[in-house]
Amino acid sequence: MWLKAPSSFVFVLVFCQSLIAQPTIEEAYKNEDYKLVIRLADSLLQTPTEFEIARLHQMKADAWYFLGELEFSIEAYFKAIHAGESAEIRNESLLLECYSHAGFCYREMGLFQHALPHYKHSLSIAKRIQDTVECAQQFYNLGTLYEYLGNYERAIELLDSAYQIDLLLKDTVSLGFDLSFLSKLKFQMNDLDDALYYAKESLVLLPPGGGNANSHANRVKQVGSVYLALGQLDSAAFYLGAAEKEYIELEDQWRLASCWLEQAKLKIKQSQFSQAVKLAERANGFYSQKGESQYLIHSNNILAQSYGEMLMFDKALSILRDNQAKCERLGDIKILRDNFRLQTDLLLKMGDEQTAELMKNKFESLEDSINEYSNKEQLNRLALQVKFDRLEQENQILTKKYEVSKTDLADREFRLTRLTWMGLLVFVLAVVLIVFLVRRSRIKQERLEKEIVDLRSQIKVLLEGDTSELQVDLSKLNHCLNTPLTDREFEILTHAIGDLNNSQIADKVFVSVNTVKYHLKKIYEKLGVSNRKQALEYIVRTN
């Protein structure tokens, strides 16, 4: 027989349970507990909440990215973009980040054409809100895409735009990104000595912990790749091994797989073919799970090359022929040309000169077509039609739904606008009547009282440090400065003199703490001060 617990005991139990507070989604995000972030985001999205819907989807997308699930991350970014575009008040900074990060995920997956419109959209937002730092970042992102697509002239033009901005801002971290990108361009142009110089310089400007979590590992891998191309195999082995360790610690499977491919090429040059096969198969297994991409084709090429060196010709040829079909489906003429070249070399080793000659003709035909055009835009006229993936189709459906809901909203807004104008007309007439009834002496008295209140507020700020009543006029403040503050700098300054710490400011404006520190440093330089107290005193004087 069950005994009923006393009501007082139940109350105490419930009260104790309520004291065990579950971390908030912001706390989970800061603590890098990304699985918890996803669970909390799903829970908050199912119930009414004051939290911004687009921000929840964005945090969920970030969490999926850090967990290495790029497909889920893109899907969540699309939902964040849809929610942000549909919101009554657009959060431009959030939309900029979501478009940029979606492009970044596509780039990591090797779907460069899919990434291009997202980076372009991010750049247009950055220009619209006049965010110089983000403009430089998007110039850099677009430059990397054009480098992957083979349009080096356009890539260098975009890199120069990013570099000039970063140089003006004296942003050493961003300059490290620029030099790394320049190293990749020099590598593609076979200028290996300069490529090695820029890659090493980028490591100096971007030490461990600078930039993104995997930035340092990427640059170490770049140095290893250049050494590999130069034939300095011991140095290549050292840097590629160091990069592999960093990727393993970061649990970055995408870049770890690319590092395995570089190590496989190294093993081929060292005539360690069985080890090359193991590394290439490991990378190939990962990319095969992620669908067809340039990365999967590249891993197949290296695997086929390894088998060819081991005289396993039938297996190598089967892989290359399967790769040929993948190249045709992706519509990339350059990798299809490379495939024909590899098949030609393999068939010659097998002694099949007749088939090799046919394959060589295909290679030369594509080579002539590629040389006939100067950039990737012209090359795309010869490319096969690229199919959009499922996520792109879902995003188009969401866009259509948004357009329908926007039309309905416009009708409601029209009716509301008429009522608003009528109310505004009545209000204006009332204000005009009041203005004519107010005597000049009353106006003078109010002005005097306002000056007294302002003076008291300034005294209170200086003596007690209370900024609650301090009103700062951006235009008036900029009039006193040689170099005016930007809107973002002014926003951060108002939070800073309001006794918020750097972490709280970062949460308010949705940027990192390092970005807040950077902006505060630029603000102090423009004001001619060295700390927040001096900045506050300067504002009071100019106010």
Protein backbone atom coordinates (compact mmCIF):
# COMPACT_ATOMS: atom_id res chain seq x y z
CA MET A 1 0.00 0.00 0.00
CA TRP A 2 1.41 3.39 -1.09
CA LEU A 3 1.61 6.16 1.48
CA LYS A 4 0.69 9.68 0.39
CA ALA A 5 3.55 12.14 0.94
CA PRO A 6 2.70 15.15 3.11
CA SER A 7 1.93 18.27 1.08
CA SER A 8 4.67 20.20 2.89
CA PHE A 9 7.25 17.62 1.77
CA VAL A 10 6.10 17.89 -1.85
CA PHE A 11 6.35 21.67 -1.70
CA VAL A 12 9.92 21.50 -0.35
CA LEU A 13 10.90 18.99 -3.06
CA VAL A 14 9.52 21.18 -5.86
CA PHE A 15 11.20 24.24 -4.36
CA CYS A 16 14.58 22.48 -4.21
CA GLN A 17 14.25 21.33 -7.80
CA SER A 18 13.50 24.89 -8.90
CA LEU A 19 16.77 26.03 -7.34
CA ILE A 20 18.75 23.79 -9.71
CA ALA A 21 18.95 26.26 -12.59
CA GLN A 22 19.50 24.98 -16.11
CA PRO A 23 22.09 26.93 -18.09
CA THR A 24 20.65 29.46 -20.54
CA ILE A 25 21.31 29.05 -24.24
CA GLU A 26 23.73 32.00 -24.14
CA GLU A 27 25.67 30.38 -21.27
CA ALA A 28 25.77 27.04 -23.12
CA TYR A 29 27.05 28.84 -26.23
CA LYS A 30 29.81 30.62 -24.29
CA ASN A 31 30.78 27.33 -22.62
CA GLU A 32 31.00 25.69 -26.09
CA ASP A 33 28.43 23.05 -25.08
CA TYR A 34 27.05 22.93 -28.63
CA LYS A 35 24.86 19.85 -28.22
CA LEU A 36 23.07 21.61 -25.35
CA VAL A 37 22.77 24.75 -27.50
CA ILE A 38 20.90 22.72 -30.15
CA ARG A 39 18.54 21.15 -27.58
CA LEU A 40 17.78 24.50 -25.93
CA ALA A 41 17.24 26.19 -29.31
CA ASP A 42 14.78 23.47 -30.38
CA SER A 43 12.93 23.86 -27.07
CA LEU A 44 12.75 27.66 -27.32
CA LEU A 45 11.57 27.51 -30.94
CA GLN A 46 8.61 25.30 -29.95
CA THR A 47 7.30 27.66 -27.26
CA PRO A 48 6.55 31.42 -27.25
CA THR A 49 9.67 33.30 -26.20
CA GLU A 50 11.04 36.83 -26.11
CA PHE A 51 14.24 35.52 -27.74
CA GLU A 52 14.67 36.59 -31.37
CA ILE A 53 13.69 33.65 -33.62
CA ALA A 54 16.37 34.38 -36.19
CA ARG A 55 19.03 34.52 -33.48
CA LEU A 56 17.97 31.09 -32.16
CA HIS A 57 18.33 29.56 -35.62
CA GLN A 58 21.69 31.29 -36.03
CA MET A 59 23.04 29.94 -32.72
CA LYS A 60 21.79 26.48 -33.69
CA ALA A 61 23.54 26.79 -37.08
CA ASP A 62 26.77 27.86 -35.40
CA ALA A 63 26.54 24.88 -33.05
CA TRP A 64 26.06 22.44 -35.94
CA TYR A 65 29.08 23.98 -37.69
CA PHE A 66 31.34 23.57 -34.65
CA LEU A 67 30.13 19.96 -34.38
CA GLY A 68 31.26 19.39 -37.99
CA GLU A 69 27.74 18.90 -39.44
CA LEU A 70 27.87 21.36 -42.33
CA GLU A 71 24.62 20.21 -44.00
CA PHE A 72 22.58 20.77 -40.83
CA SER A 73 24.40 24.06 -40.30
CA ILE A 74 23.39 25.37 -43.75
CA GLU A 75 19.78 24.33 -43.19
CA ALA A 76 19.68 26.25 -39.89
CA TYR A 77 21.31 29.33 -41.48
CA PHE A 78 18.60 29.32 -44.17
CA LYS A 79 15.92 29.29 -41.46
CA ALA A 80 17.68 32.15 -39.67
CA ILE A 81 17.82 34.14 -42.93
CA HIS A 82 14.14 33.51 -43.61
CA ALA A 83 13.16 34.58 -40.07
CA GLY A 84 15.41 37.65 -40.29
CA GLU A 85 14.06 38.74 -43.68
CA SER A 86 10.47 38.24 -42.47
CA ALA A 87 10.94 40.22 -39.24
CA GLU A 88 9.26 43.63 -38.91
CA ILE A 89 12.60 45.12 -37.86
CA ARG A 90 15.55 43.74 -39.86
CA ASN A 91 18.66 42.87 -37.90
CA GLU A 92 21.16 43.65 -40.65
CA SER A 93 24.19 42.45 -38.68
CA LEU A 94 22.59 39.07 -38.04
CA LEU A 95 21.57 38.65 -41.69
CA LEU A 96 25.07 39.60 -42.82
CA GLU A 97 26.62 36.93 -40.60
CA CYS A 98 24.10 34.26 -41.65
CA TYR A 99 24.58 34.84 -45.39
CA SER A 100 28.36 34.89 -44.91
CA HIS A 101 28.43 31.72 -42.78
CA ALA A 102 26.15 29.86 -45.21
CA GLY A 103 28.60 30.74 -47.99
CA PHE A 104 31.46 29.59 -45.78
CA CYS A 105 29.81 26.17 -45.25
CA TYR A 106 29.24 25.74 -48.98
CA ARG A 107 32.87 26.65 -49.61
CA GLU A 108 34.04 24.09 -47.06
CA MET A 109 31.93 21.45 -48.82
CA GLY A 110 33.51 22.31 -52.19
CA LEU A 111 30.26 23.76 -53.62
CA PHE A 112 31.87 27.02 -54.70
CA GLN A 113 29.17 28.18 -57.14
CA HIS A 114 26.56 27.81 -54.36
CA ALA A 115 28.70 29.90 -52.00
CA LEU A 116 29.14 32.81 -54.43
CA PRO A 117 25.64 34.45 -54.17
CA HIS A 118 25.69 34.25 -50.38
CA TYR A 119 29.01 36.08 -50.10
CA LYS A 120 27.81 38.70 -52.60
CA HIS A 121 24.66 39.26 -50.51
CA SER A 122 26.81 39.65 -47.37
CA LEU A 123 28.95 42.26 -49.13
CA SER A 124 25.89 44.27 -50.21
CA ILE A 125 24.61 44.33 -46.60
CA ALA A 126 28.04 45.35 -45.28
CA LYS A 127 28.16 48.24 -47.75
CA ARG A 128 24.61 49.28 -46.89
CA ILE A 129 25.31 49.50 -43.15
CA GLN A 130 28.78 51.00 -43.85
CA ASP A 131 30.64 48.36 -41.82
CA THR A 132 34.22 48.68 -43.09
CA VAL A 133 35.54 45.65 -41.20
CA GLU A 134 32.84 43.39 -42.65
CA CYS A 135 33.40 44.80 -46.15
CA ALA A 136 37.03 43.74 -45.92
CA GLN A 137 35.99 40.28 -44.72
CA GLN A 138 33.54 39.78 -47.58
CA PHE A 139 36.10 40.99 -50.15
CA TYR A 140 38.40 38.33 -48.75
CA ASN A 141 35.69 35.62 -48.85
CA LEU A 142 34.77 36.39 -52.45
CA GLY A 143 38.43 36.46 -53.39
CA THR A 144 38.95 32.94 -52.03
CA LEU A 145 35.99 31.71 -54.09
CA TYR A 146 37.29 33.22 -57.33
CA GLU A 147 40.67 31.67 -56.55
CA TYR A 148 39.03 28.24 -56.24
CA LEU A 149 37.14 28.88 -59.50
CA GLY A 150 40.35 29.78 -61.33
CA ASN A 151 39.62 33.49 -61.93
CA TYR A 152 42.91 34.74 -60.46
CA GLU A 153 42.64 38.24 -61.89
CA ARG A 154 39.34 38.85 -60.09
CA ALA A 155 40.67 37.13 -56.97
CA ILE A 156 43.70 39.43 -56.79
CA GLU A 157 41.48 42.49 -57.33
CA LEU A 158 39.26 41.50 -54.38
CA LEU A 159 42.25 40.62 -52.22
CA ASP A 160 43.74 44.05 -52.86
CA SER A 161 40.47 45.68 -51.72
CA ALA A 162 40.52 43.66 -48.50
CA TYR A 163 44.23 44.28 -47.96
CA GLN A 164 43.93 48.07 -48.34
CA ILE A 165 41.12 48.22 -45.77
CA ASP A 166 42.98 45.99 -43.29
CA LEU A 167 46.15 48.02 -43.77
CA LEU A 168 44.25 51.24 -43.10
CA LEU A 169 42.70 49.72 -39.96
CA LYS A 170 46.06 48.22 -38.91
CA ASP A 171 44.29 44.90 -38.38
CA THR A 172 47.17 42.39 -38.11
CA VAL A 173 44.83 39.39 -37.78
CA SER A 174 43.05 40.26 -41.03
CA LEU A 175 46.38 40.99 -42.71
CA GLY A 176 47.35 37.45 -41.74
CA PHE A 177 44.30 36.18 -43.62
CA ASP A 178 45.20 38.33 -46.63
CA LEU A 179 48.78 37.03 -46.77
CA SER A 180 47.56 33.45 -46.48
CA PHE A 181 45.20 34.02 -49.39
CA LEU A 182 47.99 35.64 -51.41
CA SER A 183 50.14 32.58 -50.71
CA LYS A 184 47.40 30.35 -52.19
CA LEU A 185 47.20 32.51 -55.29
CA LYS A 186 50.96 32.41 -55.78
CA PHE A 187 50.79 28.64 -55.29
CA GLN A 188 48.14 28.33 -58.00
CA MET A 189 50.29 30.45 -60.31
CA ASN A 190 53.29 28.16 -59.55
CA ASP A 191 55.26 31.00 -57.96
CA LEU A 192 56.33 28.71 -55.13
CA ASP A 193 59.07 30.84 -53.51
CA ASP A 194 56.69 33.76 -52.99
CA ALA A 195 53.94 31.36 -51.93
CA LEU A 196 56.20 29.99 -49.17
CA TYR A 197 57.22 33.50 -48.06
CA TYR A 198 53.61 34.73 -47.73
CA ALA A 199 52.49 31.52 -46.01
CA LYS A 200 55.20 31.87 -43.34
CA GLU A 201 54.48 35.59 -42.92
CA SER A 202 50.81 34.79 -42.32
CA LEU A 203 51.86 32.46 -39.48
CA VAL A 204 53.82 35.30 -37.87
CA LEU A 205 50.85 37.70 -38.08
CA LEU A 206 48.36 35.06 -36.96
CA PRO A 207 49.78 33.05 -34.01
CA PRO A 208 47.84 30.17 -32.35
CA GLY A 209 44.56 31.48 -30.98
CA GLY A 210 44.22 34.28 -33.55
CA GLY A 211 41.29 34.42 -35.99
CA ASN A 212 38.97 31.42 -36.23
CA ALA A 213 39.59 28.26 -34.21
CA ASN A 214 41.21 26.49 -37.17
CA SER A 215 42.99 29.49 -38.73
CA HIS A 216 46.44 28.57 -37.44
CA ALA A 217 46.10 24.93 -38.52
CA ASN A 218 45.08 26.03 -42.03
CA ARG A 219 48.20 28.16 -42.37
CA VAL A 220 50.48 25.41 -41.06
CA LYS A 221 48.96 23.07 -43.67
CA GLN A 222 49.52 25.71 -46.38
CA VAL A 223 53.23 25.89 -45.53
CA GLY A 224 53.42 22.10 -45.70
CA SER A 225 51.71 22.04 -49.10
CA VAL A 226 54.16 24.57 -50.54
CA TYR A 227 57.13 22.60 -49.21
CA LEU A 228 55.61 19.50 -50.83
CA ALA A 229 55.38 21.26 -54.20
CA LEU A 230 59.00 22.44 -53.81
CA GLY A 231 60.10 18.84 -53.22
CA GLN A 232 61.36 19.56 -49.69
CA LEU A 233 59.72 16.45 -48.28
CA ASP A 234 61.09 16.51 -44.71
CA SER A 235 59.81 20.04 -44.14
CA ALA A 236 56.49 19.12 -45.77
CA ALA A 237 56.13 16.10 -43.47
CA PHE A 238 56.81 18.26 -40.39
CA TYR A 239 54.23 20.95 -41.19
CA LEU A 240 51.54 18.57 -42.45
CA GLY A 241 51.94 16.43 -39.32
CA ALA A 242 51.61 19.52 -37.12
CA ALA A 243 48.46 20.60 -38.98
CA GLU A 244 46.97 17.10 -38.62
CA LYS A 245 47.45 17.22 -34.83
CA GLU A 246 45.71 20.61 -34.61
CA TYR A 247 42.74 19.43 -36.72
CA ILE A 248 42.36 16.33 -34.53
CA GLU A 249 42.34 18.47 -31.39
CA LEU A 250 39.73 20.77 -32.97
CA GLU A 251 37.69 17.76 -34.23
CA ASP A 252 37.59 19.47 -37.65
CA GLN A 253 36.87 16.49 -39.91
CA TRP A 254 36.56 18.44 -43.18
CA ARG A 255 40.02 19.98 -43.00
CA LEU A 256 41.52 16.88 -41.42
CA ALA A 257 40.43 14.92 -44.50
CA SER A 258 42.09 17.50 -46.79
CA CYS A 259 45.27 17.19 -44.70
CA TRP A 260 45.22 13.41 -45.18
CA LEU A 261 45.15 13.97 -48.95
CA GLU A 262 48.22 16.20 -48.77
CA GLN A 263 49.97 13.57 -46.67
CA ALA A 264 48.95 10.91 -49.22
CA LYS A 265 50.62 12.94 -51.99
CA LEU A 266 53.70 13.18 -49.78
CA LYS A 267 53.76 9.40 -49.32
CA ILE A 268 53.53 8.90 -53.10
CA LYS A 269 56.61 11.09 -53.59
CA GLN A 270 58.37 9.09 -50.87
CA SER A 271 57.37 5.86 -52.72
CA GLN A 272 55.39 4.71 -49.64
CA PHE A 273 52.39 3.72 -51.73
CA SER A 274 50.56 1.49 -49.24
CA GLN A 275 50.53 4.33 -46.67
CA ALA A 276 49.34 6.72 -49.39
CA VAL A 277 46.41 4.38 -50.13
CA LYS A 278 45.44 4.24 -46.44
CA LEU A 279 45.43 8.04 -46.12
CA ALA A 280 43.55 8.56 -49.39
CA GLU A 281 40.96 5.90 -48.48
CA ARG A 282 40.45 7.52 -45.08
CA ALA A 283 39.74 10.90 -46.72
CA ASN A 284 37.68 9.29 -49.47
CA GLY A 285 35.50 7.53 -46.90
CA PHE A 286 34.68 10.84 -45.23
CA TYR A 287 33.95 12.75 -48.46
CA SER A 288 31.81 9.89 -49.83
CA GLN A 289 29.40 10.40 -46.92
CA LYS A 290 29.01 14.08 -47.82
CA GLY A 291 27.94 13.71 -51.46
CA GLU A 292 29.66 14.58 -54.71
CA SER A 293 32.08 17.52 -54.60
CA GLN A 294 35.48 18.62 -55.88
CA TYR A 295 36.98 17.23 -52.66
CA LEU A 296 35.60 13.73 -53.35
CA ILE A 297 36.93 13.86 -56.92
CA HIS A 298 40.34 15.02 -55.67
CA SER A 299 40.52 12.17 -53.15
CA ASN A 300 39.60 9.67 -55.89
CA ASN A 301 42.37 11.03 -58.12
CA ILE A 302 44.99 10.57 -55.42
CA LEU A 303 43.67 7.10 -54.61
CA ALA A 304 43.83 6.13 -58.29
CA GLN A 305 47.34 7.54 -58.56
CA SER A 306 48.42 5.44 -55.55
CA TYR A 307 46.94 2.27 -57.03
CA GLY A 308 48.62 3.04 -60.34
CA GLU A 309 52.02 3.30 -58.67
CA MET A 310 51.33 -0.09 -57.05
CA LEU A 311 50.62 -1.50 -60.57
CA MET A 312 46.95 -2.12 -59.65
CA PHE A 313 45.92 -0.65 -63.01
CA ASP A 314 42.38 -2.04 -63.29
CA LYS A 315 41.40 -0.67 -59.90
CA ALA A 316 42.95 2.72 -60.66
CA LEU A 317 41.23 2.94 -64.06
CA SER A 318 37.85 2.03 -62.55
CA ILE A 319 38.17 4.88 -60.03
CA LEU A 320 39.13 7.40 -62.73
CA ARG A 321 36.23 6.42 -64.98
CA ASP A 322 33.82 6.75 -62.07
CA ASN A 323 35.43 10.13 -61.37
CA GLN A 324 34.86 11.18 -65.00
CA ALA A 325 31.09 10.74 -64.50
CA LYS A 326 31.24 12.81 -61.30
CA CYS A 327 33.16 15.59 -63.09
CA GLU A 328 30.54 15.72 -65.84
CA ARG A 329 27.70 15.89 -63.30
CA LEU A 330 29.41 18.73 -61.41
CA GLY A 331 30.03 20.59 -64.66
CA ASP A 332 33.64 21.51 -63.86
CA ILE A 333 35.68 21.52 -67.08
CA LYS A 334 39.05 21.91 -65.39
CA ILE A 335 38.77 18.84 -63.17
CA LEU A 336 37.33 16.89 -66.13
CA ARG A 337 40.42 17.88 -68.15
CA ASP A 338 42.68 16.71 -65.30
CA ASN A 339 40.77 13.42 -65.22
CA PHE A 340 41.44 12.83 -68.93
CA ARG A 341 45.13 13.56 -68.36
CA LEU A 342 45.33 11.02 -65.50
CA GLN A 343 43.53 8.40 -67.57
CA THR A 344 45.92 9.03 -70.48
CA ASP A 345 48.98 8.52 -68.26
CA LEU A 346 47.53 5.37 -66.71
CA LEU A 347 46.55 3.82 -70.05
CA LEU A 348 50.08 4.41 -71.37
CA LYS A 349 51.49 2.57 -68.34
CA MET A 350 49.07 -0.28 -69.11
CA GLY A 351 50.30 -0.39 -72.73
CA ASP A 352 46.86 0.49 -74.18
CA GLU A 353 48.17 3.12 -76.58
CA GLN A 354 45.04 3.24 -78.77
CA THR A 355 42.66 4.09 -75.90
CA ALA A 356 45.30 6.41 -74.45
CA GLU A 357 45.38 8.34 -77.73
CA LEU A 358 41.58 8.78 -77.66
CA MET A 359 41.75 10.02 -74.09
CA LYS A 360 44.63 12.35 -74.98
CA ASN A 361 42.51 13.89 -77.74
CA LYS A 362 39.73 14.57 -75.23
CA PHE A 363 42.26 16.13 -72.88
CA GLU A 364 43.72 18.37 -75.59
CA SER A 365 40.26 19.38 -76.78
CA LEU A 366 39.28 20.58 -73.32
CA GLU A 367 42.69 22.19 -72.83
CA ASP A 368 42.21 24.21 -76.02
CA SER A 369 38.71 25.25 -74.92
CA ILE A 370 39.98 26.37 -71.51
CA ASN A 371 42.87 28.34 -73.01
CA GLU A 372 40.46 30.08 -75.37
CA TYR A 373 38.77 31.88 -72.49
CA SER A 374 40.31 34.28 -69.99
CA ASN A 375 38.14 33.79 -66.90
CA LYS A 376 35.71 31.48 -65.20
CA GLU A 377 32.59 33.34 -66.30
CA GLN A 378 33.35 32.47 -69.93
CA LEU A 379 34.28 28.92 -68.98
CA ASN A 380 30.86 28.45 -67.44
CA ARG A 381 29.29 28.71 -70.92
CA LEU A 382 30.82 25.31 -71.67
CA ALA A 383 30.00 23.81 -68.28
CA LEU A 384 27.15 21.35 -67.74
CA GLN A 385 24.01 22.53 -65.93
CA VAL A 386 24.58 22.38 -62.17
CA LYS A 387 21.73 20.91 -60.16
CA PHE A 388 20.69 22.70 -56.99
CA ASP A 389 20.74 20.58 -53.86
CA ARG A 390 17.81 19.95 -51.54
CA LEU A 391 18.65 22.79 -49.17
CA GLU A 392 18.68 25.37 -51.95
CA GLN A 393 15.24 24.16 -53.08
CA GLU A 394 13.90 24.45 -49.54
CA ASN A 395 15.28 27.96 -49.32
CA GLN A 396 13.46 28.92 -52.53
CA ILE A 397 10.21 27.53 -51.10
CA LEU A 398 10.68 29.60 -47.95
CA THR A 399 11.32 32.67 -50.11
CA LYS A 400 8.07 32.10 -52.03
CA LYS A 401 6.12 31.75 -48.79
CA TYR A 402 7.70 34.94 -47.52
CA GLU A 403 6.68 36.83 -50.68
CA VAL A 404 3.05 35.69 -50.25
CA SER A 405 2.99 36.68 -46.58
CA LYS A 406 4.64 40.01 -47.50
CA THR A 407 1.80 40.78 -49.92
CA ASP A 408 -0.82 40.11 -47.23
CA LEU A 409 1.13 42.24 -44.79
CA ALA A 410 1.27 45.11 -47.30
CA ASP A 411 -2.55 45.18 -47.50
CA ARG A 412 -2.85 45.38 -43.73
CA GLU A 413 -0.18 48.05 -43.57
CA PHE A 414 -2.05 50.17 -46.14
CA ARG A 415 -5.19 50.23 -44.02
CA LEU A 416 -3.19 50.94 -40.90
CA THR A 417 -1.29 53.74 -42.65
CA ARG A 418 -4.53 55.58 -43.50
CA LEU A 419 -5.64 55.51 -39.88
CA THR A 420 -2.18 56.58 -38.77
CA TRP A 421 -2.14 59.61 -41.10
CA MET A 422 -5.56 60.71 -39.88
CA GLY A 423 -4.41 60.45 -36.28
CA LEU A 424 -1.18 62.22 -37.13
CA LEU A 425 -3.09 65.10 -38.77
CA VAL A 426 -5.21 65.57 -35.64
CA PHE A 427 -2.08 65.43 -33.51
CA VAL A 428 -0.28 68.04 -35.66
CA LEU A 429 -3.21 70.43 -35.46
CA ALA A 430 -3.27 70.03 -31.69
CA VAL A 431 0.48 70.68 -31.47
CA VAL A 432 0.20 73.81 -33.63
CA LEU A 433 -2.59 75.11 -31.41
CA ILE A 434 -0.52 74.52 -28.28
CA VAL A 435 2.53 76.22 -29.80
CA PHE A 436 0.56 79.39 -30.53
CA LEU A 437 -0.87 79.41 -27.02
CA VAL A 438 2.50 79.11 -25.31
CA ARG A 439 3.96 82.47 -24.40
CA ARG A 440 7.54 83.48 -25.28
CA SER A 441 8.43 83.93 -21.64
CA ARG A 442 7.32 80.36 -20.93
CA ILE A 443 9.62 79.07 -23.69
CA LYS A 444 12.53 81.01 -22.25
CA GLN A 445 11.81 79.68 -18.77
CA GLU A 446 11.71 76.06 -20.01
CA ARG A 447 14.97 76.50 -21.87
CA LEU A 448 16.60 77.85 -18.71
CA GLU A 449 15.26 74.94 -16.65
CA LYS A 450 16.57 72.46 -19.21
CA GLU A 451 20.04 74.02 -19.06
CA ILE A 452 19.96 73.74 -15.26
CA VAL A 453 18.95 70.08 -15.49
CA ASP A 454 21.71 69.36 -18.02
CA LEU A 455 24.25 71.10 -15.83
CA ARG A 456 23.15 69.05 -12.82
CA SER A 457 23.35 65.86 -14.87
CA GLN A 458 26.91 66.67 -15.99
CA ILE A 459 27.95 67.40 -12.42
CA LYS A 460 26.36 64.12 -11.31
CA VAL A 461 28.25 62.23 -14.04
CA LEU A 462 31.59 63.73 -13.05
CA LEU A 463 31.14 63.33 -9.29
CA GLU A 464 29.25 60.04 -9.03
CA GLY A 465 29.94 58.32 -12.38
CA ASP A 466 26.17 57.93 -12.98
CA THR A 467 25.55 57.99 -16.76
CA SER A 468 21.86 57.05 -16.66
CA GLU A 469 20.72 60.57 -17.57
CA LEU A 470 23.57 61.41 -19.94
CA GLN A 471 22.40 62.00 -23.52
CA VAL A 472 25.11 61.88 -26.20
CA ASP A 473 24.64 63.49 -29.61
CA LEU A 474 26.68 61.68 -32.29
CA SER A 475 26.69 64.56 -34.76
CA LYS A 476 27.72 67.03 -32.07
CA LEU A 477 30.46 64.69 -30.84
CA ASN A 478 31.79 64.03 -34.36
CA HIS A 479 31.89 67.79 -35.01
CA CYS A 480 34.60 68.02 -32.33
CA LEU A 481 36.70 65.16 -33.73
CA ASN A 482 39.22 65.09 -36.57
CA THR A 483 38.15 61.56 -37.43
CA PRO A 484 34.42 60.98 -36.82
CA LEU A 485 33.07 57.88 -35.09
CA THR A 486 31.15 55.28 -37.11
CA ASP A 487 27.66 54.19 -36.06
CA ARG A 488 29.06 50.91 -34.71
CA GLU A 489 31.78 52.72 -32.73
CA PHE A 490 29.20 55.15 -31.30
CA GLU A 491 26.96 52.25 -30.27
CA ILE A 492 29.85 50.50 -28.47
CA LEU A 493 30.95 53.80 -26.84
CA THR A 494 27.48 54.39 -25.35
CA HIS A 495 27.51 50.88 -23.88
CA ALA A 496 31.05 51.38 -22.56
CA ILE A 497 30.26 54.58 -20.65
CA GLY A 498 27.12 52.89 -19.36
CA ASP A 499 29.26 50.61 -17.14
CA LEU A 500 28.92 47.48 -19.33
CA ASN A 501 31.99 45.26 -19.49
CA ASN A 502 33.43 44.01 -22.79
CA SER A 503 31.62 40.67 -22.61
CA GLN A 504 28.26 42.36 -21.99
CA ILE A 505 28.87 44.77 -24.87
CA ALA A 506 29.75 41.84 -27.17
CA ASP A 507 26.43 40.18 -26.29
CA LYS A 508 24.54 43.42 -26.96
CA VAL A 509 25.94 43.99 -30.45
CA PHE A 510 26.44 40.33 -31.44
CA VAL A 511 30.19 40.41 -32.00
CA SER A 512 33.19 38.79 -30.28
CA VAL A 513 34.96 40.27 -27.23
CA ASN A 514 38.11 40.77 -29.37
CA THR A 515 36.09 42.85 -31.84
CA VAL A 516 34.77 45.02 -28.94
CA LYS A 517 38.34 45.55 -27.70
CA TYR A 518 39.42 46.52 -31.21
CA HIS A 519 36.59 49.06 -31.56
CA LEU A 520 37.31 50.56 -28.09
CA LYS A 521 40.97 51.00 -29.04
CA LYS A 522 39.98 52.89 -32.21
CA ILE A 523 37.44 54.99 -30.24
CA TYR A 524 40.05 56.01 -27.65
CA GLU A 525 42.47 57.01 -30.43
CA LYS A 526 39.83 59.20 -32.09
CA LEU A 527 38.85 60.84 -28.76
CA GLY A 528 42.48 61.28 -27.71
CA VAL A 529 41.99 59.39 -24.44
CA SER A 530 43.31 56.15 -22.96
CA ASN A 531 40.45 54.72 -20.87
CA ARG A 532 36.69 54.80 -20.28
CA LYS A 533 36.84 57.43 -17.52
CA GLN A 534 38.70 59.87 -19.76
CA ALA A 535 36.26 59.10 -22.58
CA LEU A 536 33.34 59.94 -20.26
CA GLU A 537 34.96 63.23 -19.21
CA TYR A 538 35.55 64.13 -22.86
CA ILE A 539 31.87 63.47 -23.73
CA VAL A 540 30.66 65.60 -20.82
CA ARG A 541 32.89 68.49 -21.93
CA THR A 542 31.73 68.36 -25.55
CA ASN A 543 28.10 67.77 -24.60
